[in-house]
C-alpha atoms as a PDB file:
ATOM      1  CA  MET A   1     259.092 -10.640 178.593  1.00  0.00           C
ATOM      2  CA  ALA A   2     255.330 -10.933 178.339  1.00  0.00           C
ATOM      3  CA  ALA A   3     253.850 -12.335 175.177  1.00  0.00           C
ATOM      4  CA  SER A   4     251.631  -9.355 174.541  1.00  0.00           C
ATOM      5  CA  THR A   5     252.808  -6.136 172.951  1.00  0.00           C
ATOM      6  CA  PRO A   6     254.342  -3.805 175.582  1.00  0.00           C
ATOM      7  CA  HIS A   7     251.949  -1.138 176.741  1.00  0.00           C
ATOM      8  CA  ASN A   8     252.257   1.997 174.696  1.00  0.00           C
ATOM      9  CA  PRO A   9     249.121   4.129 174.273  1.00  0.00           C
ATOM     10  CA  ASP A  10     250.231   5.538 170.955  1.00  0.00           C
ATOM     11  CA  ARG A  11     250.939   2.071 169.515  1.00  0.00           C
ATOM     12  CA  GLN A  12     247.895   0.341 170.958  1.00  0.00           C
ATOM     13  CA  SER A  13     245.169   2.891 170.428  1.00  0.00           C
ATOM     14  CA  GLY A  14     246.502   5.148 167.698  1.00  0.00           C
ATOM     15  CA  LYS A  15     244.118   5.716 164.832  1.00  0.00           C
ATOM     16  CA  PRO A  16     245.123   6.008 161.183  1.00  0.00           C
ATOM     17  CA  ALA A  17     245.619   9.662 160.348  1.00  0.00           C
ATOM     18  CA  ARG A  18     243.725   9.432 157.069  1.00  0.00           C
ATOM     19  CA  ASN A  19     242.255   7.058 154.544  1.00  0.00           C
ATOM     20  CA  HIS A  20     244.989   4.532 153.830  1.00  0.00           C
ATOM     21  CA  GLY A  21     243.092   2.085 151.642  1.00  0.00           C
ATOM     22  CA  GLY A  22     244.954   2.729 148.399  1.00  0.00           C
ATOM     23  CA  VAL A  23     248.146   4.636 149.166  1.00  0.00           C
ATOM     24  CA  ILE A  24     250.578   1.909 148.057  1.00  0.00           C
ATOM     25  CA  ALA A  25     248.941   1.150 144.710  1.00  0.00           C
ATOM     26  CA  GLY A  26     248.346   4.874 144.254  1.00  0.00           C
ATOM     27  CA  TYR A  27     252.060   5.528 144.549  1.00  0.00           C
ATOM     28  CA  VAL A  28     252.866   2.876 141.940  1.00  0.00           C
ATOM     29  CA  PHE A  29     250.114   4.147 139.641  1.00  0.00           C
ATOM     30  CA  ARG A  30     251.504   7.676 139.859  1.00  0.00           C
ATOM     31  CA  LEU A  31     254.980   6.352 139.051  1.00  0.00           C
ATOM     32  CA  ILE A  32     253.581   4.598 135.971  1.00  0.00           C
ATOM     33  CA  ARG A  33     251.825   7.767 134.829  1.00  0.00           C
ATOM     34  CA  GLU A  34     254.998   9.808 135.224  1.00  0.00           C
ATOM     35  CA  LEU A  35     257.060   7.221 133.338  1.00  0.00           C
ATOM     36  CA  LEU A  36     254.540   7.430 130.495  1.00  0.00           C
ATOM     37  CA  GLY A  37     254.907  11.215 130.483  1.00  0.00           C
ATOM     38  CA  PHE A  38     251.226  11.983 131.036  1.00  0.00           C
ATOM     39  CA  THR A  39     249.676  14.637 133.226  1.00  0.00           C
ATOM     40  CA  GLN A  40     246.690  13.610 135.322  1.00  0.00           C
ATOM     41  CA  ASP A  41     244.420  15.339 132.805  1.00  0.00           C
ATOM     42  CA  GLY A  42     246.090  13.576 129.892  1.00  0.00           C
ATOM     43  CA  LEU A  43     245.803  10.105 131.404  1.00  0.00           C
ATOM     44  CA  ALA A  44     242.231  10.817 132.492  1.00  0.00           C
ATOM     45  CA  GLU A  45     241.363  11.493 128.857  1.00  0.00           C
ATOM     46  CA  ARG A  46     242.885   8.162 127.785  1.00  0.00           C
ATOM     47  CA  PHE A  47     241.077   6.319 130.577  1.00  0.00           C
ATOM     48  CA  HIS A  48     237.742   8.092 129.972  1.00  0.00           C
ATOM     49  CA  VAL A  49     237.529   9.185 133.598  1.00  0.00           C
ATOM     50  CA  SER A  50     237.824  12.538 135.358  1.00  0.00           C
ATOM     51  CA  ALA A  51     241.131  14.025 136.429  1.00  0.00           C
ATOM     52  CA  ASP A  52     239.781  13.917 139.981  1.00  0.00           C
ATOM     53  CA  THR A  53     239.482  10.135 139.666  1.00  0.00           C
ATOM     54  CA  ILE A  54     243.136   9.856 138.631  1.00  0.00           C
ATOM     55  CA  ALA A  55     244.136  12.129 141.523  1.00  0.00           C
ATOM     56  CA  GLY A  56     242.040  10.038 143.895  1.00  0.00           C
ATOM     57  CA  TRP A  57     243.751   6.823 142.778  1.00  0.00           C
ATOM     58  CA  GLU A  58     247.206   8.345 143.162  1.00  0.00           C
ATOM     59  CA  THR A  59     246.617   9.707 146.658  1.00  0.00           C
ATOM     60  CA  GLY A  60     244.830   6.597 147.865  1.00  0.00           C
ATOM     61  CA  ARG A  61     241.651   8.574 148.475  1.00  0.00           C
ATOM     62  CA  ARG A  62     240.007   6.217 145.985  1.00  0.00           C
ATOM     63  CA  ALA A  63     241.516   2.765 146.358  1.00  0.00           C
ATOM     64  CA  LEU A  64     242.377   0.947 143.140  1.00  0.00           C
ATOM     65  CA  ALA A  65     241.514  -2.245 145.016  1.00  0.00           C
ATOM     66  CA  ALA A  66     237.902  -1.019 145.058  1.00  0.00           C
ATOM     67  CA  VAL A  67     237.702  -0.637 141.260  1.00  0.00           C
ATOM     68  CA  PRO A  68     235.447  -3.389 139.824  1.00  0.00           C
ATOM     69  CA  LEU A  69     237.482  -6.255 138.349  1.00  0.00           C
ATOM     70  CA  GLY A  70     236.150  -5.861 134.815  1.00  0.00           C
ATOM     71  CA  GLN A  71     236.952  -2.152 134.769  1.00  0.00           C
ATOM     72  CA  MET A  72     240.407  -2.762 136.228  1.00  0.00           C
ATOM     73  CA  LEU A  73     241.169  -5.256 133.453  1.00  0.00           C
ATOM     74  CA  ILE A  74     240.254  -2.596 130.887  1.00  0.00           C
ATOM     75  CA  HIS A  75     242.558  -0.093 132.593  1.00  0.00           C
ATOM     76  CA  ARG A  76     245.420  -2.628 132.623  1.00  0.00           C
ATOM     77  CA  HIS A  77     245.013  -3.248 128.891  1.00  0.00           C
ATOM     78  CA  ARG A  78     245.029   0.497 128.274  1.00  0.00           C
ATOM     79  CA  LEU A  79     248.299   0.742 130.165  1.00  0.00           C
ATOM     80  CA  LEU A  80     249.721  -2.089 128.053  1.00  0.00           C
ATOM     81  CA  HIS A  81     248.757  -0.258 124.854  1.00  0.00           C
ATOM     82  CA  LEU A  82     250.421   2.883 126.195  1.00  0.00           C
ATOM     83  CA  GLY A  83     253.686   0.988 126.548  1.00  0.00           C
ATOM     84  CA  VAL A  84     253.769  -0.038 130.210  1.00  0.00           C
ATOM     85  CA  SER A  85     255.908  -3.140 130.746  1.00  0.00           C
ATOM     86  CA  SER A  86     254.527  -6.337 132.200  1.00  0.00           C
ATOM     87  CA  THR A  87     256.977  -5.907 135.094  1.00  0.00           C
ATOM     88  CA  LEU A  88     255.429  -2.593 136.100  1.00  0.00           C
ATOM     89  CA  LEU A  89     251.936  -4.024 135.761  1.00  0.00           C
ATOM     90  CA  ALA A  90     252.966  -6.875 138.031  1.00  0.00           C
ATOM     91  CA  ALA A  91     254.263  -4.283 140.492  1.00  0.00           C
ATOM     92  CA  LEU A  92     250.876  -2.545 140.364  1.00  0.00           C
ATOM     93  CA  ASP A  93     249.102  -5.847 141.035  1.00  0.00           C
ATOM     94  CA  ARG A  94     251.329  -6.494 144.038  1.00  0.00           C
ATOM     95  CA  ALA A  95     250.804  -2.961 145.287  1.00  0.00           C
ATOM     96  CA  ILE A  96     247.039  -3.512 145.183  1.00  0.00           C
ATOM     97  CA  GLU A  97     247.541  -6.729 147.146  1.00  0.00           C
ATOM     98  CA  ALA A  98     249.680  -4.786 149.628  1.00  0.00           C
ATOM     99  CA  ASP A  99     246.880  -2.253 150.086  1.00  0.00           C
ATOM    100  CA  VAL A 100     244.451  -5.086 150.817  1.00  0.00           C
ATOM    101  CA  LEU A 101     246.865  -6.555 153.371  1.00  0.00           C
ATOM    102  CA  PHE A 102     247.594  -3.185 154.963  1.00  0.00           C
ATOM    103  CA  THR A 103     243.923  -2.302 155.239  1.00  0.00           C
ATOM    104  CA  ALA A 104     243.135  -5.716 156.734  1.00  0.00           C
ATOM    105  CA  ALA A 105     245.922  -5.250 159.279  1.00  0.00           C
ATOM    106  CA  LEU A 106     244.502  -1.912 160.436  1.00  0.00           C
ATOM    107  CA  GLN A 107     240.945  -3.163 160.778  1.00  0.00           C
ATOM    108  CA  GLU A 108     239.838  -3.276 164.383  1.00  0.00           C
ATOM    109  CA  HIS A 109     238.001  -6.552 163.899  1.00  0.00           C
ATOM    110  CA  ALA A 110     239.921  -9.099 161.828  1.00  0.00           C
ATOM    111  CA  SER A 111     238.061 -11.284 159.362  1.00  0.00           C
ATOM    112  CA  ALA A 112     237.873 -15.042 159.818  1.00  0.00           C
ATOM    113  CA  VAL A 113     240.501 -15.594 157.104  1.00  0.00           C
ATOM    114  CA  HIS A 114     243.405 -13.152 157.303  1.00  0.00           C
ATOM    115  CA  PRO A 115     244.920 -12.267 153.881  1.00  0.00           C
ATOM    116  CA  LEU A 116     248.429 -12.855 155.260  1.00  0.00           C
ATOM    117  CA  GLY A 117     247.621 -16.518 155.663  1.00  0.00           C
ATOM    118  CA  ALA A 118     246.205 -16.948 152.159  1.00  0.00           C
ATOM    119  CA  TRP A 119     249.350 -16.841 150.000  1.00  0.00           C
ATOM    120  CA  VAL A 120     253.120 -16.465 150.193  1.00  0.00           C
ATOM    121  CA  LEU A 121     254.015 -12.818 149.736  1.00  0.00           C
ATOM    122  CA  LEU A 122     256.109 -11.510 146.868  1.00  0.00           C
ATOM    123  CA  PRO A 123     257.935  -8.157 146.785  1.00  0.00           C
ATOM    124  CA  ALA A 124     257.137  -5.415 144.314  1.00  0.00           C
ATOM    125  CA  PRO A 125     260.255  -4.352 142.376  1.00  0.00           C
ATOM    126  CA  ALA A 126     261.700  -1.070 143.608  1.00  0.00           C
ATOM    127  CA  ARG A 127     262.378   1.777 141.234  1.00  0.00           C
ATOM    128  CA  ALA A 128     264.291   4.946 142.013  1.00  0.00           C
ATOM    129  CA  ARG A 129     262.580   8.291 141.540  1.00  0.00           C
ATOM    130  CA  ARG A 130     264.112  11.622 140.657  1.00  0.00           C
ATOM    131  CA  GLY A 131     263.443  15.064 141.956  1.00  0.00           C
ATOM    132  CA  PRO A 132     261.839  16.290 145.209  1.00  0.00           C
ATOM    133  CA  VAL A 133     259.307  13.486 145.497  1.00  0.00           C
ATOM    134  CA  ALA A 134     258.738  10.703 147.983  1.00  0.00           C
ATOM    135  CA  ALA A 135     260.918   7.642 147.400  1.00  0.00           C
ATOM    136  CA  ALA A 136     258.145   5.367 148.652  1.00  0.00           C
ATOM    137  CA  PRO A 137     254.471   5.492 149.631  1.00  0.00           C
ATOM    138  CA  GLU A 138     254.056   7.847 152.559  1.00  0.00           C
ATOM    139  CA  LEU A 139     252.354   6.310 155.594  1.00  0.00           C
ATOM    140  CA  SER A 140     251.650   8.394 158.666  1.00  0.00           C
ATOM    141  CA  ALA A 141     253.380   7.615 161.938  1.00  0.00           C
ATOM    142  CA  ALA A 142     250.015   6.636 163.419  1.00  0.00           C
ATOM    143  CA  ASP A 143     249.367   4.212 160.551  1.00  0.00           C
ATOM    144  CA  GLN A 144     252.795   2.644 160.953  1.00  0.00           C
ATOM    145  CA  CYS A 145     252.508   2.238 164.721  1.00  0.00           C
ATOM    146  CA  LEU A 146     249.053   0.717 164.452  1.00  0.00           C
ATOM    147  CA  PHE A 147     250.181  -1.611 161.660  1.00  0.00           C
ATOM    148  CA  PHE A 148     253.106  -2.978 163.684  1.00  0.00           C
ATOM    149  CA  ALA A 149     250.941  -3.363 166.778  1.00  0.00           C
ATOM    150  CA  ARG A 150     248.400  -5.379 164.773  1.00  0.00           C
ATOM    151  CA  MET A 151     251.176  -7.493 163.214  1.00  0.00           C
ATOM    152  CA  ARG A 152     252.422  -8.368 166.678  1.00  0.00           C
ATOM    153  CA  ALA A 153     248.937  -9.228 167.854  1.00  0.00           C
ATOM    154  CA  THR A 154     248.368 -11.375 164.756  1.00  0.00           C
ATOM    155  CA  ALA A 155     251.636 -13.266 165.232  1.00  0.00           C
ATOM    156  CA  GLU A 156     250.870 -13.849 168.905  1.00  0.00           C
ATOM    157  CA  SER A 157     247.373 -15.188 168.255  1.00  0.00           C
ATOM    158  CA  ALA A 158     248.237 -17.419 165.255  1.00  0.00           C
ATOM    159  CA  ARG A 159     249.385 -20.462 167.216  1.00  0.00           C
ATOM    160  CA  THR A 160     247.784 -23.459 165.534  1.00  0.00           C
ATOM    161  CA  PRO A 161     249.618 -25.442 162.805  1.00  0.00           C
ATOM    162  CA  GLU A 162     247.167 -24.352 160.100  1.00  0.00           C
ATOM    163  CA  HIS A 163     248.019 -20.722 160.893  1.00  0.00           C
ATOM    164  CA  PHE A 164     251.773 -21.156 160.527  1.00  0.00           C
ATOM    165  CA  LEU A 165     251.996 -19.121 157.292  1.00  0.00           C
ATOM    166  CA  LEU A 166     249.970 -16.317 158.874  1.00  0.00           C
ATOM    167  CA  ARG A 167     252.209 -16.297 161.948  1.00  0.00           C
ATOM    168  CA  ARG A 168     255.445 -16.430 159.968  1.00  0.00           C
ATOM    169  CA  GLN A 169     254.530 -13.568 157.660  1.00  0.00           C
ATOM    170  CA  ALA A 170     253.097 -11.415 160.453  1.00  0.00           C
ATOM    171  CA  LEU A 171     256.261 -11.938 162.507  1.00  0.00           C
ATOM    172  CA  TYR A 172     258.414 -11.116 159.483  1.00  0.00           C
ATOM    173  CA  LEU A 173     256.549  -7.860 158.837  1.00  0.00           C
ATOM    174  CA  ALA A 174     256.574  -6.940 162.527  1.00  0.00           C
ATOM    175  CA  GLY A 175     260.362  -7.229 162.363  1.00  0.00           C
ATOM    176  CA  TYR A 176     260.497  -4.027 160.302  1.00  0.00           C
ATOM    177  CA  ASP A 177     259.362  -2.101 163.385  1.00  0.00           C
ATOM    178  CA  ARG A 178     262.194   0.133 164.615  1.00  0.00           C
ATOM    179  CA  ALA A 179     260.906   0.151 168.185  1.00  0.00           C
ATOM    180  CA  SER A 180     263.590  -0.591 170.773  1.00  0.00           C
ATOM    181  CA  ASP A 181     261.849  -3.736 172.017  1.00  0.00           C
ATOM    182  CA  THR A 182     261.407  -5.414 168.631  1.00  0.00           C
ATOM    183  CA  ALA A 183     264.401  -7.744 168.905  1.00  0.00           C
ATOM    184  CA  ALA A 184     263.389  -8.866 172.411  1.00  0.00           C
ATOM    185  CA  TRP A 185     259.816  -9.437 171.261  1.00  0.00           C
ATOM    186  CA  VAL A 186     260.999 -11.588 168.349  1.00  0.00           C
ATOM    187  CA  ASP A 187     263.220 -13.602 170.683  1.00  0.00           C
ATOM    188  CA  HIS A 188     260.227 -14.269 172.913  1.00  0.00           C
ATOM    189  CA  GLN A 189     258.146 -15.334 169.934  1.00  0.00           C
ATOM    190  CA  GLN A 190     260.813 -17.812 168.897  1.00  0.00           C
ATOM    191  CA  ALA A 191     261.103 -19.195 172.416  1.00  0.00           C
ATOM    192  CA  THR A 192     257.357 -19.788 172.684  1.00  0.00           C
ATOM    193  CA  ALA A 193     256.797 -21.081 169.135  1.00  0.00           C
ATOM    194  CA  ARG A 194     256.239 -24.776 168.522  1.00  0.00           C
ATOM    195  CA  PRO A 195     256.515 -25.248 164.754  1.00  0.00           C
ATOM    196  CA  GLU A 196     255.669 -28.706 163.464  1.00  0.00           C
ATOM    197  CA  GLY A 197     257.920 -30.419 160.937  1.00  0.00           C
ATOM    198  CA  TRP A 198     261.356 -29.668 159.598  1.00  0.00           C
ATOM    199  CA  LEU A 199     260.353 -27.009 157.067  1.00  0.00           C
ATOM    200  CA  ASP A 200     258.312 -24.995 159.575  1.00  0.00           C
ATOM    201  CA  GLN A 201     261.236 -25.062 162.009  1.00  0.00           C
ATOM    202  CA  TRP A 202     263.623 -24.005 159.224  1.00  0.00           C
ATOM    203  CA  LEU A 203     261.388 -21.121 158.158  1.00  0.00           C
ATOM    204  CA  SER A 204     260.966 -19.972 161.754  1.00  0.00           C
ATOM    205  CA  ALA A 205     264.729 -19.922 162.225  1.00  0.00           C
ATOM    206  CA  ARG A 206     265.151 -17.992 158.969  1.00  0.00           C
ATOM    207  CA  SER A 207     262.523 -15.410 159.876  1.00  0.00           C
ATOM    208  CA  VAL A 208     264.044 -14.782 163.294  1.00  0.00           C
ATOM    209  CA  ALA A 209     267.551 -14.477 161.822  1.00  0.00           C
ATOM    210  CA  SER A 210     266.282 -12.060 159.155  1.00  0.00           C
ATOM    211  CA  VAL A 211     264.531  -9.865 161.715  1.00  0.00           C
ATOM    212  CA  ALA A 212     267.671  -9.850 163.879  1.00  0.00           C
ATOM    213  CA  ALA A 213     269.762  -8.750 160.884  1.00  0.00           C
ATOM    214  CA  ARG A 214     267.409  -5.829 160.254  1.00  0.00           C
ATOM    215  CA  GLN A 215     267.857  -4.877 163.914  1.00  0.00           C
ATOM    216  CA  GLY A 216     271.663  -4.873 163.518  1.00  0.00           C
ATOM    217  CA  ASP A 217     272.461  -8.364 164.858  1.00  0.00           C
ATOM    218  CA  ARG A 218     274.480 -10.020 162.077  1.00  0.00           C
ATOM    219  CA  ASP A 219     275.520 -13.013 164.176  1.00  0.00           C
ATOM    220  CA  ARG A 220     272.068 -14.590 163.827  1.00  0.00           C
ATOM    221  CA  ILE A 221     272.350 -14.759 160.031  1.00  0.00           C
ATOM    222  CA  ALA A 222     275.832 -16.270 160.276  1.00  0.00           C
ATOM    223  CA  ALA A 223     274.536 -18.838 162.774  1.00  0.00           C
ATOM    224  CA  PHE A 224     271.592 -19.632 160.492  1.00  0.00           C
ATOM    225  CA  VAL A 225     273.973 -20.348 157.604  1.00  0.00           C
ATOM    226  CA  ARG A 226     276.131 -22.592 159.809  1.00  0.00           C
ATOM    227  CA  ASN A 227     273.306 -24.474 161.486  1.00  0.00           C
ATOM    228  CA  GLU A 228     270.564 -24.638 158.850  1.00  0.00           C
ATOM    229  CA  LEU A 229     272.328 -24.618 155.464  1.00  0.00           C
ATOM    230  CA  LEU A 230     275.842 -26.037 155.621  1.00  0.00           C
ATOM    231  CA  ASP A 231     275.913 -29.842 155.375  1.00  0.00           C
ATOM    232  CA  ASP A 232     272.118 -29.965 155.094  1.00  0.00           C
ATOM    233  CA  ASP A 233     270.833 -30.633 151.599  1.00  0.00           C
ATOM    234  CA  ARG A 234     267.253 -29.925 152.660  1.00  0.00           C
ATOM    235  CA  GLY A 235     268.233 -26.497 153.911  1.00  0.00           C
ATOM    236  CA  GLU A 236     270.183 -25.720 150.750  1.00  0.00           C
ATOM    237  CA  VAL A 237     267.220 -26.668 148.544  1.00  0.00           C
ATOM    238  CA  ALA A 238     264.760 -24.668 150.657  1.00  0.00           C
ATOM    239  CA  ASN A 239     267.051 -21.629 150.659  1.00  0.00           C
ATOM    240  CA  LEU A 240     267.487 -21.626 146.884  1.00  0.00           C
ATOM    241  CA  ASN A 241     263.759 -22.125 146.319  1.00  0.00           C
ATOM    242  CA  TYR A 242     262.944 -19.361 148.812  1.00  0.00           C
ATOM    243  CA  TRP A 243     265.144 -16.860 146.970  1.00  0.00           C
ATOM    244  CA  ALA A 244     264.021 -18.092 143.551  1.00  0.00           C
ATOM    245  CA  TYR A 245     260.419 -17.328 144.471  1.00  0.00           C
ATOM    246  CA  TRP A 246     261.384 -13.976 145.986  1.00  0.00           C
ATOM    247  CA  THR A 247     263.248 -12.878 142.855  1.00  0.00           C
ATOM    248  CA  GLY A 248     260.582 -14.072 140.410  1.00  0.00           C
ATOM    249  CA  GLU A 249     262.368 -17.163 139.094  1.00  0.00           C
ATOM    250  CA  ILE A 250     259.365 -19.267 140.037  1.00  0.00           C
ATOM    251  CA  PRO A 251     256.277 -18.082 138.132  1.00  0.00           C
ATOM    252  CA  GLY A 252     252.871 -17.697 139.716  1.00  0.00           C
ATOM    253  CA  VAL A 253     251.801 -17.365 143.322  1.00  0.00           C
ATOM    254  CA  GLU A 254     252.300 -20.091 145.910  1.00  0.00           C
ATOM    255  CA  LEU A 255     249.513 -20.617 148.429  1.00  0.00           C
ATOM    256  CA  ASP A 256     251.720 -22.046 151.172  1.00  0.00           C
ATOM    257  CA  ASP A 257     255.367 -22.701 152.031  1.00  0.00           C
ATOM    258  CA  THR A 258     255.600 -26.374 151.083  1.00  0.00           C
ATOM    259  CA  PHE A 259     257.038 -25.672 147.613  1.00  0.00           C
ATOM    260  CA  MET A 260     260.326 -24.584 149.201  1.00  0.00           C
ATOM    261  CA  GLY A 261     261.063 -28.070 150.442  1.00  0.00           C
ATOM    262  CA  ILE A 262     259.840 -30.091 147.461  1.00  0.00           C
ATOM    263  CA  ARG A 263     260.366 -28.033 144.304  1.00  0.00           C
ATOM    264  CA  ARG A 264     263.376 -29.101 142.249  1.00  0.00           C
ATOM    265  CA  PRO A 265     265.878 -26.229 142.028  1.00  0.00           C
ATOM    266  CA  ASP A 266     266.643 -27.210 138.430  1.00  0.00           C
ATOM    267  CA  SER A 267     263.064 -26.245 137.488  1.00  0.00           C
ATOM    268  CA  TRP A 268     264.083 -22.573 137.381  1.00  0.00           C
ATOM    269  CA  HIS A 269     266.994 -20.888 135.614  1.00  0.00           C
ATOM    270  CA  GLY A 270     268.819 -18.812 138.216  1.00  0.00           C
ATOM    271  CA  ARG A 271     269.727 -15.636 136.297  1.00  0.00           C
ATOM    272  CA  ARG A 272     267.566 -13.308 138.385  1.00  0.00           C
ATOM    273  CA  LEU A 273     268.724 -14.863 141.621  1.00  0.00           C
ATOM    274  CA  LEU A 274     272.354 -14.581 140.533  1.00  0.00           C
ATOM    275  CA  HIS A 275     271.965 -10.849 139.908  1.00  0.00           C
ATOM    276  CA  HIS A 276     270.038 -10.373 143.159  1.00  0.00           C
ATOM    277  CA  VAL A 277     272.758 -11.806 145.387  1.00  0.00           C
ATOM    278  CA  ALA A 278     275.661 -10.439 143.302  1.00  0.00           C
ATOM    279  CA  ASP A 279     274.291  -6.890 143.626  1.00  0.00           C
ATOM    280  CA  ARG A 280     274.331  -7.282 147.418  1.00  0.00           C
ATOM    281  CA  LEU A 281     277.943  -8.311 147.920  1.00  0.00           C
ATOM    282  CA  ASP A 282     278.565  -5.457 150.313  1.00  0.00           C
ATOM    283  CA  PRO A 283     279.343  -5.516 154.055  1.00  0.00           C
ATOM    284  CA  ALA A 284     276.705  -2.799 154.483  1.00  0.00           C
ATOM    285  CA  TYR A 285     274.018  -5.448 154.002  1.00  0.00           C
ATOM    286  CA  GLY A 286     273.183  -7.243 157.235  1.00  0.00           C
ATOM    287  CA  TYR A 287     272.452 -10.368 155.220  1.00  0.00           C
ATOM    288  CA  LEU A 288     275.977 -10.584 153.775  1.00  0.00           C
ATOM    289  CA  ASP A 289     276.673 -14.097 155.115  1.00  0.00           C
ATOM    290  CA  LEU A 290     273.426 -15.373 153.612  1.00  0.00           C
ATOM    291  CA  TYR A 291     273.945 -13.590 150.282  1.00  0.00           C
ATOM    292  CA  VAL A 292     277.463 -14.974 149.907  1.00  0.00           C
ATOM    293  CA  HIS A 293     276.399 -18.483 150.849  1.00  0.00           C
ATOM    294  CA  THR A 294     273.451 -18.353 148.439  1.00  0.00           C
ATOM    295  CA  LEU A 295     275.762 -17.165 145.638  1.00  0.00           C
ATOM    296  CA  TRP A 296     278.206 -19.969 146.417  1.00  0.00           C
ATOM    297  CA  ALA A 297     275.448 -22.612 146.563  1.00  0.00           C
ATOM    298  CA  LEU A 298     273.792 -21.331 143.384  1.00  0.00           C
ATOM    299  CA  LEU A 299     277.035 -21.470 141.377  1.00  0.00           C
ATOM    300  CA  ALA A 300     277.841 -24.900 142.797  1.00  0.00           C
ATOM    301  CA  ALA A 301     274.456 -26.123 141.571  1.00  0.00           C
ATOM    302  CA  ARG A 302     274.461 -24.097 138.313  1.00  0.00           C
ATOM    303  CA  PRO A 303     278.051 -23.562 137.118  1.00  0.00           C
ATOM    304  CA  GLN A 304     276.680 -22.877 133.627  1.00  0.00           C
ATOM    305  CA  LEU A 305     275.476 -19.469 134.874  1.00  0.00           C
ATOM    306  CA  LEU A 306     279.073 -18.283 134.573  1.00  0.00           C
ATOM    307  CA  HIS A 307     279.276 -19.455 130.951  1.00  0.00           C
ATOM    308  CA  ASP A 308     275.914 -18.577 129.370  1.00  0.00           C
ATOM    309  CA  GLY A 309     276.056 -14.785 129.626  1.00  0.00           C
ATOM    310  CA  SER A 310     273.804 -14.599 132.685  1.00  0.00           C
ATOM    311  CA  ILE A 311     276.134 -12.091 134.358  1.00  0.00           C
ATOM    312  CA  ASP A 312     279.154  -9.910 133.626  1.00  0.00           C
ATOM    313  CA  ARG A 313     281.899 -12.097 135.064  1.00  0.00           C
ATOM    314  CA  ALA A 314     284.427  -9.256 135.314  1.00  0.00           C
ATOM    315  CA  VAL A 315     282.034  -7.188 137.445  1.00  0.00           C
ATOM    316  CA  LEU A 316     281.286 -10.152 139.693  1.00  0.00           C
ATOM    317  CA  ARG A 317     285.001 -10.892 140.027  1.00  0.00           C
ATOM    318  CA  GLU A 318     285.679  -7.286 141.063  1.00  0.00           C
ATOM    319  CA  ARG A 319     282.991  -7.412 143.755  1.00  0.00           C
ATOM    320  CA  VAL A 320     284.357 -10.691 145.091  1.00  0.00           C
ATOM    321  CA  GLU A 321     287.919  -9.327 145.213  1.00  0.00           C
ATOM    322  CA  ILE A 322     286.828  -6.182 147.060  1.00  0.00           C
ATOM    323  CA  LEU A 323     285.181  -8.284 149.753  1.00  0.00           C
ATOM    324  CA  LEU A 324     288.119 -10.657 150.031  1.00  0.00           C
ATOM    325  CA  ASP A 325     290.505  -7.727 150.477  1.00  0.00           C
ATOM    326  CA  GLY A 326     288.335  -6.158 153.168  1.00  0.00           C
ATOM    327  CA  PRO A 327     288.481  -6.748 156.920  1.00  0.00           C
ATOM    328  CA  GLU A 328     284.771  -7.215 157.611  1.00  0.00           C
ATOM    329  CA  ILE A 329     284.088 -10.816 156.579  1.00  0.00           C
ATOM    330  CA  SER A 330     283.922 -14.033 158.556  1.00  0.00           C
ATOM    331  CA  THR A 331     286.009 -17.138 157.964  1.00  0.00           C
ATOM    332  CA  GLN A 332     283.030 -18.860 156.357  1.00  0.00           C
ATOM    333  CA  VAL A 333     282.394 -15.953 153.991  1.00  0.00           C
ATOM    334  CA  ASP A 334     286.086 -15.856 153.090  1.00  0.00           C
ATOM    335  CA  ARG A 335     286.034 -19.569 152.286  1.00  0.00           C
ATOM    336  CA  GLU A 336     282.935 -19.346 150.115  1.00  0.00           C
ATOM    337  CA  LEU A 337     284.082 -16.219 148.274  1.00  0.00           C
ATOM    338  CA  SER A 338     287.363 -17.982 147.526  1.00  0.00           C
ATOM    339  CA  GLY A 339     285.310 -20.790 146.007  1.00  0.00           C
ATOM    340  CA  VAL A 340     283.396 -18.303 143.868  1.00  0.00           C
ATOM    341  CA  ARG A 341     286.655 -16.704 142.753  1.00  0.00           C
ATOM    342  CA  TYR A 342     288.010 -20.108 141.736  1.00  0.00           C
ATOM    343  CA  ALA A 343     284.828 -20.811 139.735  1.00  0.00           C
ATOM    344  CA  LEU A 344     285.237 -17.451 137.996  1.00  0.00           C
ATOM    345  CA  ARG A 345     288.815 -18.297 137.068  1.00  0.00           C
ATOM    346  CA  LEU A 346     287.688 -21.598 135.555  1.00  0.00           C
ATOM    347  CA  ALA A 347     285.095 -19.593 133.584  1.00  0.00           C
ATOM    348  CA  GLY A 348     287.813 -17.310 132.243  1.00  0.00           C
ATOM    349  CA  ALA A 349     287.212 -14.263 134.436  1.00  0.00           C
END
């Protein structure tokens, strides 16, 4: 398979259907307004702006990322006074970052320093919505196709060691593309990659396995657990640190990946990570082997999490038993779940 993106006129030359500069943050901002119980007119009055400005922010027509920093700080403090939680404000901050990244990805001429290579990404917490409304920011098909095409091009061009973070994150995002050739493209990228150092190789293997799982290939995740985590203390530490950062256990923003290999896992608590993996003990998740192994490794390193009220032990025990009684788990998963069940028994569950 050639290294370049397969020829597809719609993917290669498609233009964004509309202004996309603020659609992600606009969606989160609208969610915040609705949770506060304000109409657009009501919030506009509190913010001392026009209702059209609020509508523009929510639709992305006026990007929140373009609001001057000083004014944005005032708006954030107003939201705090209105009762918005720090978690939702953090989600808004990440949504603004996502808009910056998305806009940069769709630009025809990339800047010298791509935002994807500037810091390690964090997810914005999801929140369910009620009623006949979009469950997520709505991006046009043209925007999505162009975004994935640019992510592929970015991953293919980021070949030097100093661009490893850029390549890894672009490849990871490109893996969300549902095009039929995505899995083959990722395989080619792995075959032609030359990561330097153990951690870069480990992260490359993890990214490829994660993309494969999203494409329906669960064997890659199982192989990653066997080859990169079991009997490898470095891999276990990196995996726990990776998930700790992803779930918000590690405060702040990391500028590169090195923290995963050097940060002491006992420098963070583990409660959020415990809930994250416990909530995903379901064969429907393509990452099941990785979730179960991470749960097992976390409890082996932090047995106190089963004693300090971090989780409802009865609920966790029920989820473990359901999986153990089911037919869809591997021998490794069965072994590790049995270990978790034994730890729960020792904890009185």
